[in-house]
Amino acid sequence: MARYTGADCRLCRREGAKLFLKGDRCYTEKCAIERRNYAPGEAGKKRIKESEYRNQLREKQKTKRIYGVLEKQFRHYYDMANRQKGVTGENLLRILESRLDNVVYRLGFAKSRAEARQQVRHGHITVNGRRVDIPSFRVKPGDLVAVAPKAADLLVIKSALISNERVQVPSWLEVDIEKLQGSVLALPQRDQIDLDIREQLIVELYSK
């Protein structure tokens, strides 16, 4: 399976924004954006010429990196969103938010989406009582997402619950911390997705 294996902090520096890819580290002074707020590489400090295409491309790259999705799959999600009724950009974000790894992160069971992805792959997460080990699995309204009983005592999950006390669970989800489970009340509307993403720029890029 293709995946990014480089340094996560380089991605934040490339986009010039915190993408919260490293969990707790992103909230401390060790965050790369706090220490070196310029693009990586020898030309990182040089003035960059702005253009419409560059802004569109950077918005797409930023969104891909937030959700940990590579180009082929991201394009597939866009095509899927474009075929659905409604606003294409909002449909795209709704599809990305409904990924199981994102839901596990949003429920507070992992410090980052990357950590949530690993939990899913290792079989630590169940959906409606059945183990699901596919991070891209899309949840539906009414689904019950839970930590598998055998994984309930894992230090990584307990640590995430403590760290994520400052993170608010979105209103389209409902979590029961004691039972280590959460319910999908509905798929999110745009105002329920608290990310600084200009999805219209992505639509304009792919529409060319």
N, C-alpha and C. Protein backbone atom coordinates (compact mmCIF):
# COMPACT_ATOMS: atom_id res chain seq x y z
N MET A 1 0.84 -1.19 0.00
CA MET A 1 0.00 0.00 0.00
C MET A 1 0.88 1.25 0.00
N ALA A 2 0.64 2.15 -0.93
CA ALA A 2 1.42 3.39 -1.02
C ALA A 2 1.08 4.31 0.14
N ARG A 3 2.11 4.90 0.72
CA ARG A 3 1.89 5.85 1.80
C ARG A 3 3.09 6.77 1.92
N TYR A 4 2.86 7.93 2.51
CA TYR A 4 3.93 8.90 2.72
C TYR A 4 4.80 8.43 3.89
N THR A 5 6.11 8.42 3.70
CA THR A 5 7.01 7.94 4.74
C THR A 5 8.01 9.01 5.20
N GLY A 6 7.84 10.23 4.73
CA GLY A 6 8.75 11.30 5.11
C GLY A 6 8.38 11.93 6.44
N ALA A 7 9.04 13.04 6.76
CA ALA A 7 8.80 13.74 8.02
C ALA A 7 7.50 14.54 7.95
N ASP A 8 6.62 14.33 8.92
CA ASP A 8 5.32 15.02 8.94
C ASP A 8 5.49 16.53 9.07
N CYS A 9 6.47 16.96 9.85
CA CYS A 9 6.64 18.38 10.10
C CYS A 9 7.02 19.14 8.82
N ARG A 10 7.67 18.46 7.88
CA ARG A 10 7.99 19.10 6.60
C ARG A 10 6.71 19.45 5.85
N LEU A 11 5.69 18.64 6.00
CA LEU A 11 4.43 18.90 5.30
C LEU A 11 3.78 20.18 5.84
N CYS A 12 3.81 20.35 7.16
CA CYS A 12 3.24 21.57 7.76
C CYS A 12 4.01 22.80 7.28
N ARG A 13 5.33 22.67 7.27
CA ARG A 13 6.15 23.82 6.84
C ARG A 13 5.91 24.13 5.36
N ARG A 14 5.72 23.11 4.54
CA ARG A 14 5.46 23.33 3.12
C ARG A 14 4.17 24.09 2.92
N GLU A 15 3.15 23.76 3.72
CA GLU A 15 1.85 24.43 3.57
C GLU A 15 1.78 25.73 4.37
N GLY A 16 2.76 25.96 5.24
CA GLY A 16 2.76 27.19 6.02
C GLY A 16 1.66 27.26 7.04
N ALA A 17 1.21 26.10 7.53
CA ALA A 17 0.13 26.06 8.50
C ALA A 17 0.21 24.78 9.32
N LYS A 18 -0.32 24.83 10.53
CA LYS A 18 -0.36 23.63 11.35
C LYS A 18 -1.42 22.68 10.80
N LEU A 19 -1.01 21.48 10.46
CA LEU A 19 -1.94 20.46 9.98
C LEU A 19 -2.26 19.46 11.08
N PHE A 20 -1.65 19.61 12.24
CA PHE A 20 -1.89 18.76 13.41
C PHE A 20 -1.68 17.29 13.07
N LEU A 21 -0.50 17.00 12.51
CA LEU A 21 -0.16 15.63 12.09
C LEU A 21 0.59 14.86 13.17
N LYS A 22 1.07 15.57 14.22
CA LYS A 22 1.92 14.93 15.23
C LYS A 22 1.31 14.89 16.62
N GLY A 23 0.02 15.12 16.73
CA GLY A 23 -0.62 15.03 18.03
C GLY A 23 -0.15 16.10 18.99
N ASP A 24 0.31 15.68 20.18
CA ASP A 24 0.69 16.61 21.25
C ASP A 24 1.76 17.60 20.81
N ARG A 25 2.69 17.16 20.00
CA ARG A 25 3.82 18.03 19.59
C ARG A 25 3.32 19.31 18.93
N CYS A 26 2.20 19.23 18.23
CA CYS A 26 1.68 20.39 17.50
C CYS A 26 1.22 21.51 18.44
N TYR A 27 0.99 21.17 19.71
CA TYR A 27 0.52 22.17 20.67
C TYR A 27 1.65 22.74 21.53
N THR A 28 2.89 22.33 21.25
CA THR A 28 4.02 22.79 22.04
C THR A 28 4.94 23.68 21.21
N GLU A 29 5.94 24.23 21.88
CA GLU A 29 6.92 25.08 21.20
C GLU A 29 7.84 24.28 20.29
N LYS A 30 7.78 22.95 20.37
CA LYS A 30 8.59 22.10 19.50
C LYS A 30 8.00 22.00 18.09
N CYS A 31 6.78 22.48 17.92
CA CYS A 31 6.13 22.44 16.61
C CYS A 31 7.02 23.13 15.57
N ALA A 32 7.18 22.51 14.42
CA ALA A 32 8.06 23.03 13.38
C ALA A 32 7.63 24.41 12.90
N ILE A 33 6.33 24.66 12.85
CA ILE A 33 5.84 25.96 12.40
C ILE A 33 6.26 27.06 13.37
N GLU A 34 6.30 26.74 14.66
CA GLU A 34 6.71 27.72 15.66
C GLU A 34 8.20 28.02 15.55
N ARG A 35 8.98 27.01 15.20
CA ARG A 35 10.45 27.17 15.18
C ARG A 35 10.96 27.65 13.83
N ARG A 36 10.39 27.13 12.74
CA ARG A 36 10.87 27.49 11.39
C ARG A 36 9.66 27.69 10.49
N ASN A 37 9.10 28.85 10.54
CA ASN A 37 7.88 29.12 9.79
C ASN A 37 8.19 29.53 8.35
N TYR A 38 8.83 28.63 7.63
CA TYR A 38 9.10 28.82 6.21
C TYR A 38 9.22 27.44 5.57
N ALA A 39 9.09 27.40 4.26
CA ALA A 39 9.10 26.12 3.55
C ALA A 39 10.44 25.42 3.70
N PRO A 40 10.45 24.08 3.70
CA PRO A 40 11.72 23.35 3.80
C PRO A 40 12.56 23.49 2.53
N GLY A 41 13.86 23.19 2.64
CA GLY A 41 14.73 23.27 1.48
C GLY A 41 15.52 24.57 1.43
N GLU A 42 16.51 24.61 0.56
CA GLU A 42 17.39 25.77 0.45
C GLU A 42 16.65 27.02 0.00
N ALA A 43 15.61 26.84 -0.79
CA ALA A 43 14.87 28.00 -1.31
C ALA A 43 13.67 28.36 -0.44
N GLY A 44 13.60 27.75 0.74
CA GLY A 44 12.42 27.94 1.58
C GLY A 44 12.14 29.36 1.99
N LYS A 45 13.20 30.17 2.18
CA LYS A 45 13.01 31.53 2.64
C LYS A 45 12.82 32.54 1.50
N LYS A 46 12.95 32.08 0.27
CA LYS A 46 12.80 32.99 -0.85
C LYS A 46 11.34 33.40 -1.04
N ARG A 47 11.15 34.58 -1.58
CA ARG A 47 9.80 35.08 -1.83
C ARG A 47 9.17 34.26 -2.95
N ILE A 48 7.96 33.81 -2.71
CA ILE A 48 7.26 32.96 -3.67
C ILE A 48 6.27 33.79 -4.48
N LYS A 49 6.30 33.61 -5.77
CA LYS A 49 5.37 34.33 -6.64
C LYS A 49 3.99 33.69 -6.57
N GLU A 50 3.03 34.47 -6.16
CA GLU A 50 1.66 33.97 -6.04
C GLU A 50 1.01 33.87 -7.41
N SER A 51 0.15 32.85 -7.55
CA SER A 51 -0.63 32.69 -8.77
C SER A 51 -1.91 31.94 -8.43
N GLU A 52 -2.87 32.04 -9.31
CA GLU A 52 -4.14 31.34 -9.09
C GLU A 52 -3.92 29.83 -9.02
N TYR A 53 -3.11 29.32 -9.94
CA TYR A 53 -2.85 27.87 -9.96
C TYR A 53 -2.13 27.42 -8.69
N ARG A 54 -1.15 28.21 -8.25
CA ARG A 54 -0.42 27.83 -7.05
C ARG A 54 -1.35 27.75 -5.84
N ASN A 55 -2.23 28.72 -5.68
CA ASN A 55 -3.17 28.72 -4.56
C ASN A 55 -4.08 27.50 -4.61
N GLN A 56 -4.54 27.14 -5.79
CA GLN A 56 -5.40 25.97 -5.94
C GLN A 56 -4.65 24.68 -5.61
N LEU A 57 -3.42 24.59 -6.13
CA LEU A 57 -2.62 23.39 -5.89
C LEU A 57 -2.29 23.24 -4.41
N ARG A 58 -1.89 24.33 -3.77
CA ARG A 58 -1.53 24.26 -2.35
C ARG A 58 -2.74 23.88 -1.49
N GLU A 59 -3.92 24.35 -1.87
CA GLU A 59 -5.12 24.00 -1.10
C GLU A 59 -5.43 22.52 -1.22
N LYS A 60 -5.24 21.98 -2.42
CA LYS A 60 -5.44 20.54 -2.61
C LYS A 60 -4.42 19.74 -1.82
N GLN A 61 -3.16 20.15 -1.90
CA GLN A 61 -2.10 19.44 -1.19
C GLN A 61 -2.32 19.49 0.32
N LYS A 62 -2.73 20.64 0.81
CA LYS A 62 -2.98 20.80 2.25
C LYS A 62 -4.09 19.87 2.71
N THR A 63 -5.16 19.80 1.94
CA THR A 63 -6.29 18.95 2.31
C THR A 63 -5.91 17.48 2.28
N LYS A 64 -5.18 17.07 1.25
CA LYS A 64 -4.68 15.69 1.17
C LYS A 64 -3.86 15.33 2.39
N ARG A 65 -3.00 16.24 2.80
CA ARG A 65 -2.08 15.96 3.89
C ARG A 65 -2.78 15.96 5.24
N ILE A 66 -3.78 16.79 5.40
CA ILE A 66 -4.55 16.78 6.65
C ILE A 66 -5.17 15.41 6.87
N TYR A 67 -5.76 14.86 5.81
CA TYR A 67 -6.47 13.58 5.95
C TYR A 67 -5.59 12.37 5.66
N GLY A 68 -4.34 12.59 5.26
CA GLY A 68 -3.43 11.48 5.01
C GLY A 68 -3.81 10.65 3.80
N VAL A 69 -4.26 11.32 2.74
CA VAL A 69 -4.70 10.64 1.52
C VAL A 69 -3.75 10.99 0.39
N LEU A 70 -3.40 10.01 -0.43
CA LEU A 70 -2.53 10.25 -1.57
C LEU A 70 -3.35 10.66 -2.81
N GLU A 71 -2.68 11.07 -3.87
CA GLU A 71 -3.33 11.70 -5.01
C GLU A 71 -4.40 10.83 -5.67
N LYS A 72 -4.09 9.57 -5.94
CA LYS A 72 -5.03 8.71 -6.67
C LYS A 72 -6.34 8.57 -5.91
N GLN A 73 -6.24 8.33 -4.61
CA GLN A 73 -7.45 8.16 -3.81
C GLN A 73 -8.19 9.48 -3.65
N PHE A 74 -7.42 10.57 -3.50
CA PHE A 74 -8.05 11.88 -3.37
C PHE A 74 -8.84 12.23 -4.62
N ARG A 75 -8.28 11.95 -5.79
CA ARG A 75 -8.97 12.22 -7.05
C ARG A 75 -10.23 11.37 -7.16
N HIS A 76 -10.14 10.13 -6.68
CA HIS A 76 -11.31 9.25 -6.67
C HIS A 76 -12.42 9.85 -5.81
N TYR A 77 -12.04 10.39 -4.65
CA TYR A 77 -13.03 11.02 -3.78
C TYR A 77 -13.65 12.24 -4.46
N TYR A 78 -12.83 13.01 -5.18
CA TYR A 78 -13.37 14.18 -5.87
C TYR A 78 -14.38 13.76 -6.94
N ASP A 79 -14.04 12.74 -7.72
CA ASP A 79 -14.96 12.27 -8.76
C ASP A 79 -16.27 11.78 -8.14
N MET A 80 -16.15 11.10 -7.00
CA MET A 80 -17.33 10.63 -6.30
C MET A 80 -18.19 11.81 -5.83
N ALA A 81 -17.53 12.84 -5.28
CA ALA A 81 -18.24 14.02 -4.79
C ALA A 81 -18.90 14.78 -5.94
N ASN A 82 -18.25 14.80 -7.09
CA ASN A 82 -18.76 15.51 -8.25
C ASN A 82 -20.02 14.85 -8.81
N ARG A 83 -20.14 13.55 -8.61
CA ARG A 83 -21.32 12.83 -9.10
C ARG A 83 -22.51 12.95 -8.15
N GLN A 84 -22.25 13.33 -6.92
CA GLN A 84 -23.33 13.44 -5.93
C GLN A 84 -24.09 14.75 -6.10
N LYS A 85 -25.31 14.78 -5.61
CA LYS A 85 -26.08 16.01 -5.62
C LYS A 85 -25.51 16.98 -4.59
N GLY A 86 -25.68 18.24 -4.83
CA GLY A 86 -25.20 19.23 -3.89
C GLY A 86 -23.92 19.90 -4.34
N VAL A 87 -23.26 20.60 -3.41
CA VAL A 87 -22.04 21.35 -3.70
C VAL A 87 -20.86 20.38 -3.68
N THR A 88 -20.11 20.32 -4.77
CA THR A 88 -19.04 19.34 -4.91
C THR A 88 -17.99 19.46 -3.80
N GLY A 89 -17.56 20.67 -3.49
CA GLY A 89 -16.55 20.87 -2.46
C GLY A 89 -17.00 20.37 -1.10
N GLU A 90 -18.23 20.66 -0.75
CA GLU A 90 -18.77 20.21 0.53
C GLU A 90 -18.94 18.69 0.54
N ASN A 91 -19.35 18.15 -0.58
CA ASN A 91 -19.46 16.68 -0.69
C ASN A 91 -18.10 16.02 -0.47
N LEU A 92 -17.06 16.64 -1.03
CA LEU A 92 -15.71 16.09 -0.89
C LEU A 92 -15.28 16.06 0.57
N LEU A 93 -15.48 17.16 1.29
CA LEU A 93 -15.10 17.20 2.70
C LEU A 93 -15.92 16.21 3.52
N ARG A 94 -17.19 16.05 3.16
CA ARG A 94 -18.05 15.11 3.88
C ARG A 94 -17.54 13.68 3.69
N ILE A 95 -17.10 13.35 2.50
CA ILE A 95 -16.55 12.01 2.23
C ILE A 95 -15.28 11.80 3.05
N LEU A 96 -14.40 12.79 3.08
CA LEU A 96 -13.16 12.68 3.82
C LEU A 96 -13.42 12.54 5.32
N GLU A 97 -14.38 13.31 5.83
CA GLU A 97 -14.70 13.25 7.25
C GLU A 97 -15.30 11.91 7.65
N SER A 98 -15.95 11.23 6.72
CA SER A 98 -16.63 9.97 7.05
C SER A 98 -15.69 8.77 7.01
N ARG A 99 -14.41 8.98 6.68
CA ARG A 99 -13.43 7.90 6.74
C ARG A 99 -13.31 7.42 8.19
N LEU A 100 -13.14 6.12 8.37
CA LEU A 100 -13.08 5.56 9.72
C LEU A 100 -11.90 6.11 10.52
N ASP A 101 -10.73 6.27 9.88
CA ASP A 101 -9.59 6.79 10.64
C ASP A 101 -9.85 8.20 11.13
N ASN A 102 -10.53 9.02 10.33
CA ASN A 102 -10.86 10.37 10.77
C ASN A 102 -11.85 10.35 11.92
N VAL A 103 -12.84 9.47 11.85
CA VAL A 103 -13.85 9.37 12.90
C VAL A 103 -13.22 8.94 14.22
N VAL A 104 -12.30 7.97 14.16
CA VAL A 104 -11.59 7.53 15.37
C VAL A 104 -10.83 8.69 15.99
N TYR A 105 -10.19 9.51 15.15
CA TYR A 105 -9.47 10.69 15.63
C TYR A 105 -10.44 11.72 16.20
N ARG A 106 -11.53 11.96 15.51
CA ARG A 106 -12.51 12.95 15.96
C ARG A 106 -13.15 12.56 17.29
N LEU A 107 -13.29 11.25 17.53
CA LEU A 107 -13.88 10.77 18.78
C LEU A 107 -12.90 10.87 19.94
N GLY A 108 -11.63 11.12 19.64
CA GLY A 108 -10.64 11.29 20.70
C GLY A 108 -9.90 10.02 21.07
N PHE A 109 -10.02 8.97 20.27
CA PHE A 109 -9.36 7.70 20.58
C PHE A 109 -7.91 7.67 20.07
N ALA A 110 -7.49 8.69 19.35
CA ALA A 110 -6.13 8.78 18.83
C ALA A 110 -5.69 10.23 18.84
N LYS A 111 -4.36 10.46 18.96
CA LYS A 111 -3.85 11.81 19.02
C LYS A 111 -3.77 12.48 17.66
N SER A 112 -3.75 11.68 16.61
CA SER A 112 -3.65 12.21 15.25
C SER A 112 -4.34 11.25 14.30
N ARG A 113 -4.58 11.69 13.09
CA ARG A 113 -5.19 10.80 12.10
C ARG A 113 -4.26 9.65 11.74
N ALA A 114 -2.96 9.92 11.75
CA ALA A 114 -1.99 8.86 11.45
C ALA A 114 -2.05 7.77 12.52
N GLU A 115 -2.15 8.18 13.77
CA GLU A 115 -2.25 7.21 14.87
C GLU A 115 -3.57 6.45 14.77
N ALA A 116 -4.64 7.16 14.41
CA ALA A 116 -5.94 6.49 14.24
C ALA A 116 -5.88 5.47 13.11
N ARG A 117 -5.17 5.82 12.04
CA ARG A 117 -5.03 4.91 10.90
C ARG A 117 -4.31 3.63 11.34
N GLN A 118 -3.31 3.78 12.17
CA GLN A 118 -2.57 2.61 12.66
C GLN A 118 -3.45 1.75 13.57
N GLN A 119 -4.25 2.38 14.40
CA GLN A 119 -5.16 1.63 15.27
C GLN A 119 -6.13 0.79 14.45
N VAL A 120 -6.66 1.39 13.40
CA VAL A 120 -7.61 0.67 12.55
C VAL A 120 -6.92 -0.51 11.87
N ARG A 121 -5.74 -0.27 11.31
CA ARG A 121 -5.01 -1.33 10.60
C ARG A 121 -4.66 -2.49 11.53
N HIS A 122 -4.43 -2.20 12.80
CA HIS A 122 -4.06 -3.24 13.76
C HIS A 122 -5.27 -3.96 14.35
N GLY A 123 -6.45 -3.59 13.89
CA GLY A 123 -7.66 -4.29 14.33
C GLY A 123 -8.17 -3.87 15.69
N HIS A 124 -7.82 -2.65 16.14
CA HIS A 124 -8.23 -2.18 17.45
C HIS A 124 -9.60 -1.50 17.45
N ILE A 125 -10.21 -1.35 16.28
CA ILE A 125 -11.46 -0.61 16.16
C ILE A 125 -12.56 -1.50 15.57
N THR A 126 -13.75 -1.37 16.11
CA THR A 126 -14.90 -2.10 15.58
C THR A 126 -15.98 -1.12 15.11
N VAL A 127 -16.77 -1.54 14.15
CA VAL A 127 -17.92 -0.78 13.68
C VAL A 127 -19.14 -1.69 13.78
N ASN A 128 -20.09 -1.27 14.59
CA ASN A 128 -21.29 -2.08 14.84
C ASN A 128 -20.93 -3.49 15.34
N GLY A 129 -19.89 -3.54 16.18
CA GLY A 129 -19.51 -4.81 16.79
C GLY A 129 -18.60 -5.69 15.97
N ARG A 130 -18.31 -5.30 14.74
CA ARG A 130 -17.44 -6.09 13.87
C ARG A 130 -16.12 -5.36 13.64
N ARG A 131 -15.02 -6.10 13.72
CA ARG A 131 -13.72 -5.48 13.52
C ARG A 131 -13.56 -5.02 12.07
N VAL A 132 -13.08 -3.79 11.91
CA VAL A 132 -12.80 -3.23 10.59
C VAL A 132 -11.36 -2.76 10.58
N ASP A 133 -10.55 -3.26 9.65
CA ASP A 133 -9.14 -2.87 9.60
C ASP A 133 -8.79 -2.09 8.33
N ILE A 134 -9.78 -1.40 7.78
CA ILE A 134 -9.58 -0.59 6.57
C ILE A 134 -9.78 0.88 6.94
N PRO A 135 -8.71 1.68 7.01
CA PRO A 135 -8.84 3.08 7.41
C PRO A 135 -9.79 3.90 6.54
N SER A 136 -9.89 3.55 5.26
CA SER A 136 -10.74 4.32 4.34
C SER A 136 -12.21 3.90 4.40
N PHE A 137 -12.54 2.93 5.25
CA PHE A 137 -13.93 2.51 5.42
C PHE A 137 -14.78 3.73 5.76
N ARG A 138 -15.90 3.90 5.09
CA ARG A 138 -16.74 5.06 5.31
C ARG A 138 -17.91 4.72 6.22
N VAL A 139 -18.04 5.48 7.29
CA VAL A 139 -19.12 5.25 8.24
C VAL A 139 -20.40 5.89 7.72
N LYS A 140 -21.52 5.45 8.29
CA LYS A 140 -22.84 5.95 7.92
C LYS A 140 -23.57 6.40 9.18
N PRO A 141 -24.55 7.26 9.04
CA PRO A 141 -25.35 7.65 10.21
C PRO A 141 -25.94 6.41 10.89
N GLY A 142 -25.82 6.36 12.20
CA GLY A 142 -26.32 5.22 12.96
C GLY A 142 -25.24 4.21 13.31
N ASP A 143 -24.06 4.32 12.68
CA ASP A 143 -22.97 3.38 12.99
C ASP A 143 -22.41 3.63 14.38
N LEU A 144 -22.00 2.53 15.03
CA LEU A 144 -21.39 2.60 16.35
C LEU A 144 -19.91 2.22 16.21
N VAL A 145 -19.05 3.19 16.47
CA VAL A 145 -17.60 2.98 16.36
C VAL A 145 -17.03 2.83 17.76
N ALA A 146 -16.28 1.75 18.00
CA ALA A 146 -15.80 1.48 19.35
C ALA A 146 -14.39 0.91 19.33
N VAL A 147 -13.71 1.06 20.47
CA VAL A 147 -12.42 0.41 20.67
C VAL A 147 -12.69 -1.05 21.00
N ALA A 148 -12.01 -1.96 20.32
CA ALA A 148 -12.20 -3.39 20.56
C ALA A 148 -11.86 -3.72 22.01
N PRO A 149 -12.59 -4.65 22.65
CA PRO A 149 -12.34 -5.00 24.05
C PRO A 149 -10.89 -5.32 24.36
N LYS A 150 -10.22 -6.04 23.47
CA LYS A 150 -8.83 -6.44 23.72
C LYS A 150 -7.86 -5.25 23.66
N ALA A 151 -8.32 -4.14 23.07
CA ALA A 151 -7.45 -2.97 22.94
C ALA A 151 -7.76 -1.89 23.96
N ALA A 152 -8.76 -2.12 24.81
CA ALA A 152 -9.22 -1.09 25.74
C ALA A 152 -8.14 -0.64 26.72
N ASP A 153 -7.21 -1.52 27.05
CA ASP A 153 -6.18 -1.19 28.04
C ASP A 153 -4.87 -0.73 27.41
N LEU A 154 -4.86 -0.53 26.09
CA LEU A 154 -3.64 -0.09 25.44
C LEU A 154 -3.25 1.32 25.90
N LEU A 155 -1.96 1.48 26.19
CA LEU A 155 -1.47 2.77 26.68
C LEU A 155 -1.69 3.88 25.66
N VAL A 156 -1.55 3.55 24.36
CA VAL A 156 -1.68 4.58 23.33
C VAL A 156 -3.09 5.16 23.31
N ILE A 157 -4.09 4.35 23.59
CA ILE A 157 -5.47 4.85 23.60
C ILE A 157 -5.75 5.65 24.87
N LYS A 158 -5.26 5.16 26.01
CA LYS A 158 -5.44 5.90 27.26
C LYS A 158 -4.75 7.26 27.18
N SER A 159 -3.56 7.27 26.59
CA SER A 159 -2.82 8.52 26.44
C SER A 159 -3.56 9.49 25.54
N ALA A 160 -4.16 8.97 24.48
CA ALA A 160 -4.91 9.83 23.55
C ALA A 160 -6.11 10.46 24.23
N LEU A 161 -6.80 9.69 25.06
CA LEU A 161 -7.98 10.21 25.75
C LEU A 161 -7.61 11.36 26.67
N ILE A 162 -6.44 11.25 27.33
CA ILE A 162 -5.98 12.32 28.20
C ILE A 162 -5.58 13.55 27.39
N SER A 163 -4.84 13.33 26.31
CA SER A 163 -4.37 14.44 25.48
C SER A 163 -5.50 15.17 24.78
N ASN A 164 -6.55 14.42 24.41
CA ASN A 164 -7.62 15.01 23.61
C ASN A 164 -8.73 15.63 24.44
N GLU A 165 -8.48 15.81 25.74
CA GLU A 165 -9.49 16.47 26.57
C GLU A 165 -9.73 17.90 26.10
N ARG A 166 -8.71 18.50 25.46
CA ARG A 166 -8.87 19.87 24.97
C ARG A 166 -9.55 19.91 23.61
N VAL A 167 -9.72 18.77 22.95
CA VAL A 167 -10.32 18.71 21.62
C VAL A 167 -11.82 18.41 21.76
N GLN A 168 -12.63 19.23 21.15
CA GLN A 168 -14.07 19.07 21.24
C GLN A 168 -14.57 18.12 20.17
N VAL A 169 -15.35 17.12 20.58
CA VAL A 169 -15.94 16.18 19.63
C VAL A 169 -17.00 16.92 18.82
N PRO A 170 -16.96 16.83 17.49
CA PRO A 170 -17.93 17.56 16.66
C PRO A 170 -19.36 17.11 16.92
N SER A 171 -20.29 18.00 16.63
CA SER A 171 -21.69 17.76 16.96
C SER A 171 -22.34 16.63 16.15
N TRP A 172 -21.71 16.21 15.06
CA TRP A 172 -22.29 15.13 14.27
C TRP A 172 -21.90 13.75 14.81
N LEU A 173 -21.08 13.77 15.87
CA LEU A 173 -20.69 12.54 16.55
C LEU A 173 -21.08 12.63 18.02
N GLU A 174 -21.23 11.49 18.65
CA GLU A 174 -21.52 11.43 20.08
C GLU A 174 -20.61 10.37 20.69
N VAL A 175 -19.91 10.70 21.76
CA VAL A 175 -18.94 9.78 22.33
C VAL A 175 -19.28 9.42 23.77
N ASP A 176 -19.02 8.17 24.13
CA ASP A 176 -19.15 7.68 25.49
C ASP A 176 -17.75 7.22 25.91
N ILE A 177 -17.05 8.07 26.65
CA ILE A 177 -15.66 7.80 27.00
C ILE A 177 -15.55 6.54 27.87
N GLU A 178 -16.47 6.36 28.81
CA GLU A 178 -16.39 5.20 29.70
C GLU A 178 -16.50 3.89 28.94
N LYS A 179 -17.33 3.86 27.92
CA LYS A 179 -17.51 2.64 27.13
C LYS A 179 -16.56 2.59 25.93
N LEU A 180 -15.78 3.66 25.73
CA LEU A 180 -14.86 3.75 24.59
C LEU A 180 -15.57 3.49 23.27
N GLN A 181 -16.66 4.19 23.08
CA GLN A 181 -17.42 4.04 21.85
C GLN A 181 -18.08 5.37 21.48
N GLY A 182 -18.42 5.48 20.22
CA GLY A 182 -19.07 6.70 19.75
C GLY A 182 -20.06 6.39 18.65
N SER A 183 -21.05 7.24 18.51
CA SER A 183 -22.09 7.05 17.51
C SER A 183 -21.99 8.13 16.44
N VAL A 184 -22.30 7.72 15.21
CA VAL A 184 -22.36 8.68 14.11
C VAL A 184 -23.81 9.14 14.00
N LEU A 185 -24.07 10.36 14.44
CA LEU A 185 -25.44 10.88 14.45
C LEU A 185 -25.90 11.27 13.05
N ALA A 186 -24.97 11.80 12.27
CA ALA A 186 -25.29 12.22 10.91
C ALA A 186 -23.96 12.51 10.22
N LEU A 187 -23.99 12.63 8.90
CA LEU A 187 -22.80 13.08 8.20
C LEU A 187 -22.70 14.60 8.35
N PRO A 188 -21.50 15.14 8.45
CA PRO A 188 -21.34 16.55 8.81
C PRO A 188 -21.76 17.52 7.71
N GLN A 189 -22.29 18.65 8.13
CA GLN A 189 -22.51 19.78 7.24
C GLN A 189 -21.25 20.62 7.23
N ARG A 190 -21.12 21.52 6.28
CA ARG A 190 -19.87 22.29 6.14
C ARG A 190 -19.53 23.07 7.41
N ASP A 191 -20.53 23.65 8.06
CA ASP A 191 -20.24 24.45 9.25
C ASP A 191 -19.87 23.60 10.46
N GLN A 192 -19.94 22.29 10.33
CA GLN A 192 -19.54 21.39 11.41
C GLN A 192 -18.12 20.85 11.21
N ILE A 193 -17.47 21.26 10.14
CA ILE A 193 -16.10 20.82 9.86
C ILE A 193 -15.18 21.99 10.16
N ASP A 194 -14.44 21.90 11.25
CA ASP A 194 -13.67 23.03 11.77
C ASP A 194 -12.26 23.08 11.18
N LEU A 195 -12.16 23.04 9.88
CA LEU A 195 -10.86 23.08 9.22
C LEU A 195 -10.80 24.28 8.27
N ASP A 196 -9.64 24.90 8.24
CA ASP A 196 -9.45 26.07 7.37
C ASP A 196 -9.11 25.58 5.96
N ILE A 197 -10.12 25.13 5.25
CA ILE A 197 -9.96 24.60 3.90
C ILE A 197 -10.87 25.39 2.96
N ARG A 198 -10.30 25.86 1.87
CA ARG A 198 -11.09 26.56 0.84
C ARG A 198 -11.37 25.54 -0.27
N GLU A 199 -12.38 24.74 -0.06
CA GLU A 199 -12.65 23.61 -0.96
C GLU A 199 -12.99 24.04 -2.38
N GLN A 200 -13.47 25.27 -2.56
CA GLN A 200 -13.81 25.74 -3.90
C GLN A 200 -12.56 25.81 -4.78
N LEU A 201 -11.41 26.10 -4.18
CA LEU A 201 -10.17 26.14 -4.95
C LEU A 201 -9.81 24.76 -5.49
N ILE A 202 -10.11 23.72 -4.72
CA ILE A 202 -9.85 22.34 -5.17
C ILE A 202 -10.76 22.02 -6.35
N VAL A 203 -12.00 22.43 -6.25
CA VAL A 203 -12.95 22.17 -7.35
C VAL A 203 -12.49 22.90 -8.60
N GLU A 204 -12.04 24.13 -8.46
CA GLU A 204 -11.56 24.89 -9.62
C GLU A 204 -10.34 24.22 -10.25
N LEU A 205 -9.45 23.67 -9.41
CA LEU A 205 -8.25 23.01 -9.92
C LEU A 205 -8.61 21.79 -10.76
N TYR A 206 -9.48 20.95 -10.22
CA TYR A 206 -9.84 19.71 -10.92
C TYR A 206 -10.79 19.96 -12.09
N SER A 207 -11.42 21.12 -12.14
CA SER A 207 -12.37 21.42 -13.21
C SER A 207 -11.69 21.92 -14.47
N LYS A 208 -10.40 22.16 -14.42
CA LYS A 208 -9.69 22.71 -15.59
C LYS A 208 -9.56 21.66 -16.68
